[in-house]
Amino acid sequence: MVRSETIIKVLGTAQDGGVPQPNCFCSNCKDALKNPLKKRLAASLGILLPELKKWYLIDATPDFKDQLNMINAEHHEPQELSGIFLTHAHIGHYPGLIFLGKEAMSAQSLPVFTGEKMHRMLKENAPWNQLIELNNIEIHPLLPNQHPTLNVDFEITPISVPHRNELSETFGFIISGPNKKVLYIPDIDRWEDWEHSIAEMASNVDYCLLDATFYSSDELKRLGRNYKEIPHPYIEETMDLLQEVVDQKKCDVYFLHFNHTNPIINSESPEYKDLVKRGFKAAREGMEFIL
């Protein structure tokens, strides 16, 4: 049997609020307000199986409608959304489910793959429970380190990561195609809090798409925000941890989930130029990785 091509498509690269963020007039947001090409959507991936005319989505973001339209606008024939995988219950990752209800798509038993706590949160709270009661969505359990059976030519394996977890557990994913693998972790508190070594994990895949919410501690200080309220690894720290992996060309490392204040958003910034000089990359909407 010939294996079908698996394509990872980047559908969003921003933190939950996107760029421009609502009611913000920082330099990055003002640039995006003036130039739509600088707009960034909330972090999300599509897993495309073009020969089968179907695809899967990682996270139903507040930009769900635009991200679905991005997929369908690039194909001459409709592509069937075959399922959604949710990383966790922060606002950039699941509110798009609302479009699956009777007011919009009126989906029929669309598989939604979640952890146990995420399932409970959806089941016990409106308006999400209506999606379940009306069979718009059908919840399928995700268990750490176990890939669900999909009968397609890729495997997706959830990996537990520490990330506050007030409302649900948090997953990253390893997506394994016929030839290559991607590690996707849009949110994590700190690499040192994780039971795995990010350098070892990166060395065992072909591509990494990693949490890049903030560039450095200086960014949070300028915002007057407390790190403990919104913990994420700084890009500077992640580059230091993965510099040897990148130098030895074991893995291509891309950053995403940028906060609207992140200087990496501006390709003319010294921080962006240093990132590129060190061999790292900033993800952008529309990028594709063939697995």
C-alpha atoms as a PDB file:
ATOM      1  CA  MET A   1       0.000   0.000   0.000  1.00  0.00           C
ATOM      2  CA  VAL A   2       1.306   3.447  -0.927  1.00  0.00           C
ATOM      3  CA  ARG A   3       1.409   5.726   2.091  1.00  0.00           C
ATOM      4  CA  SER A   4      -0.311   9.083   1.675  1.00  0.00           C
ATOM      5  CA  GLU A   5       1.585  12.318   2.146  1.00  0.00           C
ATOM      6  CA  THR A   6       1.293  13.999   5.553  1.00  0.00           C
ATOM      7  CA  ILE A   7       1.720  17.778   5.714  1.00  0.00           C
ATOM      8  CA  ILE A   8       1.930  19.933   8.823  1.00  0.00           C
ATOM      9  CA  LYS A   9       0.636  23.428   8.105  1.00  0.00           C
ATOM     10  CA  VAL A  10       1.167  26.305  10.520  1.00  0.00           C
ATOM     11  CA  LEU A  11      -2.186  28.046  10.996  1.00  0.00           C
ATOM     12  CA  GLY A  12      -1.240  30.421  13.799  1.00  0.00           C
ATOM     13  CA  THR A  13       1.898  31.630  15.559  1.00  0.00           C
ATOM     14  CA  ALA A  14       0.716  34.075  18.236  1.00  0.00           C
ATOM     15  CA  GLN A  15      -0.133  33.810  21.899  1.00  0.00           C
ATOM     16  CA  ASP A  16      -3.831  33.542  22.765  1.00  0.00           C
ATOM     17  CA  GLY A  17      -4.739  37.169  22.005  1.00  0.00           C
ATOM     18  CA  GLY A  18      -3.146  37.241  18.544  1.00  0.00           C
ATOM     19  CA  VAL A  19      -1.442  40.188  16.864  1.00  0.00           C
ATOM     20  CA  PRO A  20      -2.809  42.813  16.933  1.00  0.00           C
ATOM     21  CA  GLN A  21      -4.070  42.072  20.422  1.00  0.00           C
ATOM     22  CA  PRO A  22      -7.431  43.648  21.335  1.00  0.00           C
ATOM     23  CA  ASN A  23      -7.158  47.266  22.460  1.00  0.00           C
ATOM     24  CA  CYS A  24      -3.355  47.300  22.310  1.00  0.00           C
ATOM     25  CA  PHE A  25      -1.248  49.966  20.645  1.00  0.00           C
ATOM     26  CA  CYS A  26       2.269  48.656  21.194  1.00  0.00           C
ATOM     27  CA  SER A  27       4.596  48.937  18.199  1.00  0.00           C
ATOM     28  CA  ASN A  28       3.932  45.376  17.003  1.00  0.00           C
ATOM     29  CA  CYS A  29       0.162  45.782  17.255  1.00  0.00           C
ATOM     30  CA  LYS A  30       0.181  49.184  15.540  1.00  0.00           C
ATOM     31  CA  ASP A  31       2.232  47.700  12.695  1.00  0.00           C
ATOM     32  CA  ALA A  32      -0.276  44.852  12.324  1.00  0.00           C
ATOM     33  CA  LEU A  33      -3.207  47.272  12.369  1.00  0.00           C
ATOM     34  CA  LYS A  34      -1.631  49.205   9.497  1.00  0.00           C
ATOM     35  CA  ASN A  35      -0.428  46.164   7.545  1.00  0.00           C
ATOM     36  CA  PRO A  36      -2.638  43.026   7.487  1.00  0.00           C
ATOM     37  CA  LEU A  37       0.372  40.973   6.334  1.00  0.00           C
ATOM     38  CA  LYS A  38       1.814  41.431   9.824  1.00  0.00           C
ATOM     39  CA  LYS A  39      -1.266  39.990  11.502  1.00  0.00           C
ATOM     40  CA  ARG A  40      -0.698  36.770  13.476  1.00  0.00           C
ATOM     41  CA  LEU A  41      -3.357  34.273  14.520  1.00  0.00           C
ATOM     42  CA  ALA A  42      -3.445  32.230  17.715  1.00  0.00           C
ATOM     43  CA  ALA A  43      -1.101  29.227  17.634  1.00  0.00           C
ATOM     44  CA  SER A  44      -2.500  26.208  15.805  1.00  0.00           C
ATOM     45  CA  LEU A  45      -1.444  23.460  13.398  1.00  0.00           C
ATOM     46  CA  GLY A  46      -3.237  21.608  10.636  1.00  0.00           C
ATOM     47  CA  ILE A  47      -2.325  18.002   9.813  1.00  0.00           C
ATOM     48  CA  LEU A  48      -3.220  17.572   6.150  1.00  0.00           C
ATOM     49  CA  LEU A  49      -3.761  14.361   4.221  1.00  0.00           C
ATOM     50  CA  PRO A  50      -4.396  15.810   0.735  1.00  0.00           C
ATOM     51  CA  GLU A  51      -4.730  12.476  -1.053  1.00  0.00           C
ATOM     52  CA  LEU A  52      -7.506  11.512   1.358  1.00  0.00           C
ATOM     53  CA  LYS A  53      -9.065  15.000   1.213  1.00  0.00           C
ATOM     54  CA  LYS A  54      -9.162  15.170   4.982  1.00  0.00           C
ATOM     55  CA  TRP A  55      -7.270  16.941   7.737  1.00  0.00           C
ATOM     56  CA  TYR A  56      -6.965  17.287  11.505  1.00  0.00           C
ATOM     57  CA  LEU A  57      -6.607  20.410  13.616  1.00  0.00           C
ATOM     58  CA  ILE A  58      -4.540  21.017  16.744  1.00  0.00           C
ATOM     59  CA  ASP A  59      -6.439  23.482  18.937  1.00  0.00           C
ATOM     60  CA  ALA A  60      -9.677  25.312  18.188  1.00  0.00           C
ATOM     61  CA  THR A  61      -8.489  28.878  18.679  1.00  0.00           C
ATOM     62  CA  PRO A  62     -10.411  32.178  18.766  1.00  0.00           C
ATOM     63  CA  ASP A  63      -9.290  32.440  15.112  1.00  0.00           C
ATOM     64  CA  PHE A  64     -10.916  29.095  14.234  1.00  0.00           C
ATOM     65  CA  LYS A  65     -13.004  30.471  11.357  1.00  0.00           C
ATOM     66  CA  ASP A  66     -10.067  32.192   9.658  1.00  0.00           C
ATOM     67  CA  GLN A  67      -7.879  29.120  10.101  1.00  0.00           C
ATOM     68  CA  LEU A  68     -10.449  26.792   8.523  1.00  0.00           C
ATOM     69  CA  ASN A  69     -10.858  29.233   5.669  1.00  0.00           C
ATOM     70  CA  MET A  70      -7.076  29.283   5.223  1.00  0.00           C
ATOM     71  CA  ILE A  71      -7.135  25.532   4.569  1.00  0.00           C
ATOM     72  CA  ASN A  72     -10.147  25.529   2.265  1.00  0.00           C
ATOM     73  CA  ALA A  73      -9.032  28.557   0.239  1.00  0.00           C
ATOM     74  CA  GLU A  74      -5.888  26.718  -0.844  1.00  0.00           C
ATOM     75  CA  HIS A  75      -7.643  23.624  -2.207  1.00  0.00           C
ATOM     76  CA  HIS A  76      -9.850  23.245  -5.263  1.00  0.00           C
ATOM     77  CA  GLU A  77     -11.948  20.610  -3.520  1.00  0.00           C
ATOM     78  CA  PRO A  78     -13.337  20.729   0.022  1.00  0.00           C
ATOM     79  CA  GLN A  79     -11.139  19.151   2.681  1.00  0.00           C
ATOM     80  CA  GLU A  80     -12.944  17.244   5.420  1.00  0.00           C
ATOM     81  CA  LEU A  81     -12.102  18.310   8.973  1.00  0.00           C
ATOM     82  CA  SER A  82     -11.770  14.869  10.534  1.00  0.00           C
ATOM     83  CA  GLY A  83     -10.943  15.725  14.128  1.00  0.00           C
ATOM     84  CA  ILE A  84      -9.537  18.229  16.602  1.00  0.00           C
ATOM     85  CA  PHE A  85      -6.806  17.669  19.186  1.00  0.00           C
ATOM     86  CA  LEU A  86      -6.804  20.028  22.177  1.00  0.00           C
ATOM     87  CA  THR A  87      -3.655  20.907  24.090  1.00  0.00           C
ATOM     88  CA  HIS A  88      -5.334  22.560  27.097  1.00  0.00           C
ATOM     89  CA  ALA A  89      -8.015  24.913  28.414  1.00  0.00           C
ATOM     90  CA  HIS A  90      -6.450  28.365  28.113  1.00  0.00           C
ATOM     91  CA  ILE A  91      -8.332  30.857  25.979  1.00  0.00           C
ATOM     92  CA  GLY A  92      -6.184  30.588  22.868  1.00  0.00           C
ATOM     93  CA  HIS A  93      -6.764  26.871  22.461  1.00  0.00           C
ATOM     94  CA  TYR A  94     -10.404  25.780  22.698  1.00  0.00           C
ATOM     95  CA  PRO A  95     -12.993  28.634  22.293  1.00  0.00           C
ATOM     96  CA  GLY A  96     -13.221  27.974  18.542  1.00  0.00           C
ATOM     97  CA  LEU A  97     -15.226  24.853  19.366  1.00  0.00           C
ATOM     98  CA  ILE A  98     -18.239  27.151  19.608  1.00  0.00           C
ATOM     99  CA  PHE A  99     -18.335  27.377  15.795  1.00  0.00           C
ATOM    100  CA  LEU A 100     -19.139  23.659  15.669  1.00  0.00           C
ATOM    101  CA  GLY A 101     -22.576  24.258  17.196  1.00  0.00           C
ATOM    102  CA  LYS A 102     -25.970  24.718  15.588  1.00  0.00           C
ATOM    103  CA  GLU A 103     -25.496  28.481  15.174  1.00  0.00           C
ATOM    104  CA  ALA A 104     -22.656  27.935  12.687  1.00  0.00           C
ATOM    105  CA  MET A 105     -21.237  24.661  11.303  1.00  0.00           C
ATOM    106  CA  SER A 106     -23.696  22.327  13.053  1.00  0.00           C
ATOM    107  CA  ALA A 107     -21.080  19.575  13.006  1.00  0.00           C
ATOM    108  CA  GLN A 108     -22.134  15.963  13.343  1.00  0.00           C
ATOM    109  CA  SER A 109     -20.188  13.933  15.934  1.00  0.00           C
ATOM    110  CA  LEU A 110     -16.850  15.535  15.044  1.00  0.00           C
ATOM    111  CA  PRO A 111     -14.123  13.721  17.015  1.00  0.00           C
ATOM    112  CA  VAL A 112     -12.482  15.980  19.611  1.00  0.00           C
ATOM    113  CA  PHE A 113      -9.493  14.437  21.367  1.00  0.00           C
ATOM    114  CA  THR A 114      -8.901  15.676  24.923  1.00  0.00           C
ATOM    115  CA  GLY A 115      -7.411  14.742  28.255  1.00  0.00           C
ATOM    116  CA  GLU A 116      -9.666  13.642  31.108  1.00  0.00           C
ATOM    117  CA  LYS A 117      -9.772  17.018  32.905  1.00  0.00           C
ATOM    118  CA  MET A 118     -10.431  18.866  29.653  1.00  0.00           C
ATOM    119  CA  HIS A 119     -13.278  16.462  28.884  1.00  0.00           C
ATOM    120  CA  ARG A 120     -14.800  17.093  32.290  1.00  0.00           C
ATOM    121  CA  MET A 121     -14.524  20.858  31.867  1.00  0.00           C
ATOM    122  CA  LEU A 122     -16.364  20.710  28.528  1.00  0.00           C
ATOM    123  CA  LYS A 123     -18.985  18.264  29.797  1.00  0.00           C
ATOM    124  CA  GLU A 124     -19.867  20.222  32.940  1.00  0.00           C
ATOM    125  CA  ASN A 125     -19.944  23.787  31.607  1.00  0.00           C
ATOM    126  CA  ALA A 126     -22.114  25.675  29.138  1.00  0.00           C
ATOM    127  CA  PRO A 127     -22.004  26.372  26.269  1.00  0.00           C
ATOM    128  CA  TRP A 128     -19.547  23.530  25.647  1.00  0.00           C
ATOM    129  CA  ASN A 129     -21.780  20.824  27.129  1.00  0.00           C
ATOM    130  CA  GLN A 130     -24.431  21.633  24.526  1.00  0.00           C
ATOM    131  CA  LEU A 131     -21.988  20.615  21.797  1.00  0.00           C
ATOM    132  CA  ILE A 132     -21.762  17.201  23.442  1.00  0.00           C
ATOM    133  CA  GLU A 133     -25.490  16.881  24.178  1.00  0.00           C
ATOM    134  CA  LEU A 134     -26.459  17.763  20.589  1.00  0.00           C
ATOM    135  CA  ASN A 135     -23.791  15.438  19.167  1.00  0.00           C
ATOM    136  CA  ASN A 136     -21.936  18.249  17.439  1.00  0.00           C
ATOM    137  CA  ILE A 137     -18.769  16.813  18.940  1.00  0.00           C
ATOM    138  CA  GLU A 138     -17.788  13.388  20.199  1.00  0.00           C
ATOM    139  CA  ILE A 139     -15.090  13.302  22.872  1.00  0.00           C
ATOM    140  CA  HIS A 140     -12.252  10.802  22.472  1.00  0.00           C
ATOM    141  CA  PRO A 141      -9.797  10.312  25.349  1.00  0.00           C
ATOM    142  CA  LEU A 142      -6.144  11.276  25.119  1.00  0.00           C
ATOM    143  CA  LEU A 143      -3.719   9.477  27.411  1.00  0.00           C
ATOM    144  CA  PRO A 144      -0.104  10.553  27.875  1.00  0.00           C
ATOM    145  CA  ASN A 145       2.371   8.710  25.645  1.00  0.00           C
ATOM    146  CA  GLN A 146      -0.390   6.748  23.879  1.00  0.00           C
ATOM    147  CA  HIS A 147      -1.376   7.582  20.331  1.00  0.00           C
ATOM    148  CA  PRO A 148      -5.062   7.182  19.414  1.00  0.00           C
ATOM    149  CA  THR A 149      -5.997   4.845  16.575  1.00  0.00           C
ATOM    150  CA  LEU A 150      -6.887   6.976  13.547  1.00  0.00           C
ATOM    151  CA  ASN A 151      -6.341   4.593  10.601  1.00  0.00           C
ATOM    152  CA  VAL A 152      -4.272   7.206   8.768  1.00  0.00           C
ATOM    153  CA  ASP A 153      -0.598   7.429   7.826  1.00  0.00           C
ATOM    154  CA  PHE A 154       0.535   9.454  10.800  1.00  0.00           C
ATOM    155  CA  GLU A 155       0.614   8.986  14.551  1.00  0.00           C
ATOM    156  CA  ILE A 156       0.048  11.734  17.090  1.00  0.00           C
ATOM    157  CA  THR A 157       1.290  11.096  20.610  1.00  0.00           C
ATOM    158  CA  PRO A 158       0.317  13.393  23.502  1.00  0.00           C
ATOM    159  CA  ILE A 159       3.036  14.304  25.995  1.00  0.00           C
ATOM    160  CA  SER A 160       2.205  15.839  29.379  1.00  0.00           C
ATOM    161  CA  VAL A 161       3.842  19.197  30.064  1.00  0.00           C
ATOM    162  CA  PRO A 162       3.658  21.415  33.176  1.00  0.00           C
ATOM    163  CA  HIS A 163       1.590  24.537  32.516  1.00  0.00           C
ATOM    164  CA  ARG A 164      -0.479  25.806  35.483  1.00  0.00           C
ATOM    165  CA  ASN A 165      -3.322  23.400  34.616  1.00  0.00           C
ATOM    166  CA  GLU A 166      -6.026  25.319  36.512  1.00  0.00           C
ATOM    167  CA  LEU A 167      -8.801  23.918  34.305  1.00  0.00           C
ATOM    168  CA  SER A 168      -7.234  20.989  32.476  1.00  0.00           C
ATOM    169  CA  GLU A 169      -4.070  19.037  31.878  1.00  0.00           C
ATOM    170  CA  THR A 170      -1.692  20.338  29.193  1.00  0.00           C
ATOM    171  CA  PHE A 171      -0.309  18.313  26.300  1.00  0.00           C
ATOM    172  CA  GLY A 172       2.351  18.794  23.701  1.00  0.00           C
ATOM    173  CA  PHE A 173       2.363  16.425  20.717  1.00  0.00           C
ATOM    174  CA  ILE A 174       4.800  14.343  18.714  1.00  0.00           C
ATOM    175  CA  ILE A 175       3.457  13.949  15.181  1.00  0.00           C
ATOM    176  CA  SER A 176       5.075  11.092  13.255  1.00  0.00           C
ATOM    177  CA  GLY A 177       4.624  10.852   9.497  1.00  0.00           C
ATOM    178  CA  PRO A 178       5.941   8.247   7.052  1.00  0.00           C
ATOM    179  CA  ASN A 179       9.430   9.785   7.098  1.00  0.00           C
ATOM    180  CA  LYS A 180       9.774  12.584   9.651  1.00  0.00           C
ATOM    181  CA  LYS A 181       8.615  13.760  13.083  1.00  0.00           C
ATOM    182  CA  VAL A 182       7.535  17.050  14.637  1.00  0.00           C
ATOM    183  CA  LEU A 183       7.568  18.008  18.314  1.00  0.00           C
ATOM    184  CA  TYR A 184       4.904  20.635  19.046  1.00  0.00           C
ATOM    185  CA  ILE A 185       4.866  22.373  22.442  1.00  0.00           C
ATOM    186  CA  PRO A 186       3.107  25.750  22.273  1.00  0.00           C
ATOM    187  CA  ASP A 187       2.849  26.131  26.063  1.00  0.00           C
ATOM    188  CA  ILE A 188       5.015  25.015  28.985  1.00  0.00           C
ATOM    189  CA  ASP A 189       5.980  26.650  32.289  1.00  0.00           C
ATOM    190  CA  ARG A 190       9.730  25.990  32.322  1.00  0.00           C
ATOM    191  CA  TRP A 191      11.890  23.402  30.576  1.00  0.00           C
ATOM    192  CA  GLU A 192      13.563  22.521  33.885  1.00  0.00           C
ATOM    193  CA  ASP A 193      10.153  21.645  35.385  1.00  0.00           C
ATOM    194  CA  TRP A 194       9.562  18.992  32.705  1.00  0.00           C
ATOM    195  CA  GLU A 195      10.399  15.354  33.280  1.00  0.00           C
ATOM    196  CA  HIS A 196      12.088  15.221  29.862  1.00  0.00           C
ATOM    197  CA  SER A 197      15.198  16.944  28.525  1.00  0.00           C
ATOM    198  CA  ILE A 198      14.172  19.274  25.714  1.00  0.00           C
ATOM    199  CA  ALA A 199      17.588  18.776  24.102  1.00  0.00           C
ATOM    200  CA  GLU A 200      17.122  14.988  24.055  1.00  0.00           C
ATOM    201  CA  MET A 201      13.560  15.278  22.774  1.00  0.00           C
ATOM    202  CA  ALA A 202      14.646  17.656  20.012  1.00  0.00           C
ATOM    203  CA  SER A 203      17.459  15.321  18.986  1.00  0.00           C
ATOM    204  CA  ASN A 204      14.918  12.573  18.274  1.00  0.00           C
ATOM    205  CA  VAL A 205      12.683  14.553  15.906  1.00  0.00           C
ATOM    206  CA  ASP A 206      13.210  16.457  12.664  1.00  0.00           C
ATOM    207  CA  TYR A 207      11.365  19.648  13.563  1.00  0.00           C
ATOM    208  CA  CYS A 208      10.503  21.429  16.800  1.00  0.00           C
ATOM    209  CA  LEU A 209       7.767  24.056  17.095  1.00  0.00           C
ATOM    210  CA  LEU A 210       8.190  25.502  20.575  1.00  0.00           C
ATOM    211  CA  ASP A 211       6.763  27.989  23.059  1.00  0.00           C
ATOM    212  CA  ALA A 212       8.231  31.436  22.406  1.00  0.00           C
ATOM    213  CA  THR A 213       5.772  33.599  24.322  1.00  0.00           C
ATOM    214  CA  PHE A 214       8.428  35.942  25.694  1.00  0.00           C
ATOM    215  CA  TYR A 215      11.913  36.732  24.469  1.00  0.00           C
ATOM    216  CA  SER A 216      13.514  37.566  27.820  1.00  0.00           C
ATOM    217  CA  SER A 217      12.775  38.635  31.386  1.00  0.00           C
ATOM    218  CA  ASP A 218      13.193  42.266  30.287  1.00  0.00           C
ATOM    219  CA  GLU A 219      10.005  41.977  28.256  1.00  0.00           C
ATOM    220  CA  LEU A 220       7.936  41.051  31.320  1.00  0.00           C
ATOM    221  CA  LYS A 221       9.540  43.797  33.388  1.00  0.00           C
ATOM    222  CA  ARG A 222       8.554  46.376  30.779  1.00  0.00           C
ATOM    223  CA  LEU A 223       4.999  45.026  30.891  1.00  0.00           C
ATOM    224  CA  GLY A 224       4.917  45.192  34.680  1.00  0.00           C
ATOM    225  CA  ARG A 225       3.786  41.559  34.774  1.00  0.00           C
ATOM    226  CA  ASN A 226       4.648  38.931  37.356  1.00  0.00           C
ATOM    227  CA  TYR A 227       6.398  35.921  35.829  1.00  0.00           C
ATOM    228  CA  LYS A 228       4.642  33.586  38.276  1.00  0.00           C
ATOM    229  CA  GLU A 229       1.257  34.574  36.840  1.00  0.00           C
ATOM    230  CA  ILE A 230       2.211  33.733  33.244  1.00  0.00           C
ATOM    231  CA  PRO A 231       5.198  31.353  33.313  1.00  0.00           C
ATOM    232  CA  HIS A 232       6.773  30.477  29.980  1.00  0.00           C
ATOM    233  CA  PRO A 233      10.401  29.725  29.015  1.00  0.00           C
ATOM    234  CA  TYR A 234      12.202  32.702  27.531  1.00  0.00           C
ATOM    235  CA  ILE A 235      13.455  32.352  23.961  1.00  0.00           C
ATOM    236  CA  GLU A 236      16.958  33.243  25.145  1.00  0.00           C
ATOM    237  CA  GLU A 237      16.916  30.266  27.533  1.00  0.00           C
ATOM    238  CA  THR A 238      15.524  27.856  24.940  1.00  0.00           C
ATOM    239  CA  MET A 239      18.190  28.837  22.414  1.00  0.00           C
ATOM    240  CA  ASP A 240      20.918  28.230  24.988  1.00  0.00           C
ATOM    241  CA  LEU A 241      19.487  24.778  25.776  1.00  0.00           C
ATOM    242  CA  LEU A 242      19.194  23.809  22.095  1.00  0.00           C
ATOM    243  CA  GLN A 243      22.206  25.549  20.564  1.00  0.00           C
ATOM    244  CA  GLU A 244      24.229  22.338  20.284  1.00  0.00           C
ATOM    245  CA  VAL A 245      21.272  20.483  18.741  1.00  0.00           C
ATOM    246  CA  VAL A 246      20.902  23.217  16.123  1.00  0.00           C
ATOM    247  CA  ASP A 247      24.638  23.537  15.485  1.00  0.00           C
ATOM    248  CA  GLN A 248      24.883  19.793  14.859  1.00  0.00           C
ATOM    249  CA  LYS A 249      21.829  19.993  12.564  1.00  0.00           C
ATOM    250  CA  LYS A 250      19.997  17.301  14.502  1.00  0.00           C
ATOM    251  CA  CYS A 251      16.736  19.247  14.347  1.00  0.00           C
ATOM    252  CA  ASP A 252      15.282  22.428  12.847  1.00  0.00           C
ATOM    253  CA  VAL A 253      13.929  24.544  15.710  1.00  0.00           C
ATOM    254  CA  TYR A 254      11.077  26.971  15.054  1.00  0.00           C
ATOM    255  CA  PHE A 255       9.523  29.318  17.576  1.00  0.00           C
ATOM    256  CA  LEU A 256       5.842  30.264  17.842  1.00  0.00           C
ATOM    257  CA  HIS A 257       3.133  31.330  20.325  1.00  0.00           C
ATOM    258  CA  PHE A 258       4.595  34.849  20.359  1.00  0.00           C
ATOM    259  CA  ASN A 259       3.149  37.376  22.777  1.00  0.00           C
ATOM    260  CA  HIS A 260       2.227  40.589  20.969  1.00  0.00           C
ATOM    261  CA  THR A 261       5.106  42.374  22.729  1.00  0.00           C
ATOM    262  CA  ASN A 262       7.758  39.894  21.583  1.00  0.00           C
ATOM    263  CA  PRO A 263      10.538  41.618  19.580  1.00  0.00           C
ATOM    264  CA  ILE A 264      10.928  38.518  17.372  1.00  0.00           C
ATOM    265  CA  ILE A 265       7.688  39.545  15.642  1.00  0.00           C
ATOM    266  CA  ASN A 266       9.627  42.414  14.067  1.00  0.00           C
ATOM    267  CA  SER A 267      12.025  40.940  11.503  1.00  0.00           C
ATOM    268  CA  GLU A 268      14.105  44.137  11.657  1.00  0.00           C
ATOM    269  CA  SER A 269      14.752  43.867  15.397  1.00  0.00           C
ATOM    270  CA  PRO A 270      18.216  42.997  16.781  1.00  0.00           C
ATOM    271  CA  GLU A 271      16.638  40.081  18.651  1.00  0.00           C
ATOM    272  CA  TYR A 272      15.221  38.561  15.465  1.00  0.00           C
ATOM    273  CA  LYS A 273      18.521  38.967  13.639  1.00  0.00           C
ATOM    274  CA  ASP A 274      20.389  37.305  16.513  1.00  0.00           C
ATOM    275  CA  LEU A 275      17.920  34.395  16.522  1.00  0.00           C
ATOM    276  CA  VAL A 276      18.491  33.791  12.812  1.00  0.00           C
ATOM    277  CA  LYS A 277      22.262  34.169  13.182  1.00  0.00           C
ATOM    278  CA  ARG A 278      22.230  31.429  15.817  1.00  0.00           C
ATOM    279  CA  GLY A 279      20.453  29.054  13.413  1.00  0.00           C
ATOM    280  CA  PHE A 280      16.924  29.205  14.845  1.00  0.00           C
ATOM    281  CA  LYS A 281      13.750  30.142  12.985  1.00  0.00           C
ATOM    282  CA  ALA A 282      10.516  32.012  13.649  1.00  0.00           C
ATOM    283  CA  ALA A 283       7.405  30.202  12.424  1.00  0.00           C
ATOM    284  CA  ARG A 284       4.904  32.023  10.225  1.00  0.00           C
ATOM    285  CA  GLU A 285       1.346  31.304   9.153  1.00  0.00           C
ATOM    286  CA  GLY A 286       1.285  29.185   6.005  1.00  0.00           C
ATOM    287  CA  MET A 287       4.583  27.341   6.586  1.00  0.00           C
ATOM    288  CA  GLU A 288       4.439  23.642   5.720  1.00  0.00           C
ATOM    289  CA  PHE A 289       6.460  20.617   6.803  1.00  0.00           C
ATOM    290  CA  ILE A 290       6.208  17.389   4.810  1.00  0.00           C
ATOM    291  CA  LEU A 291       6.451  14.319   7.013  1.00  0.00           C
END
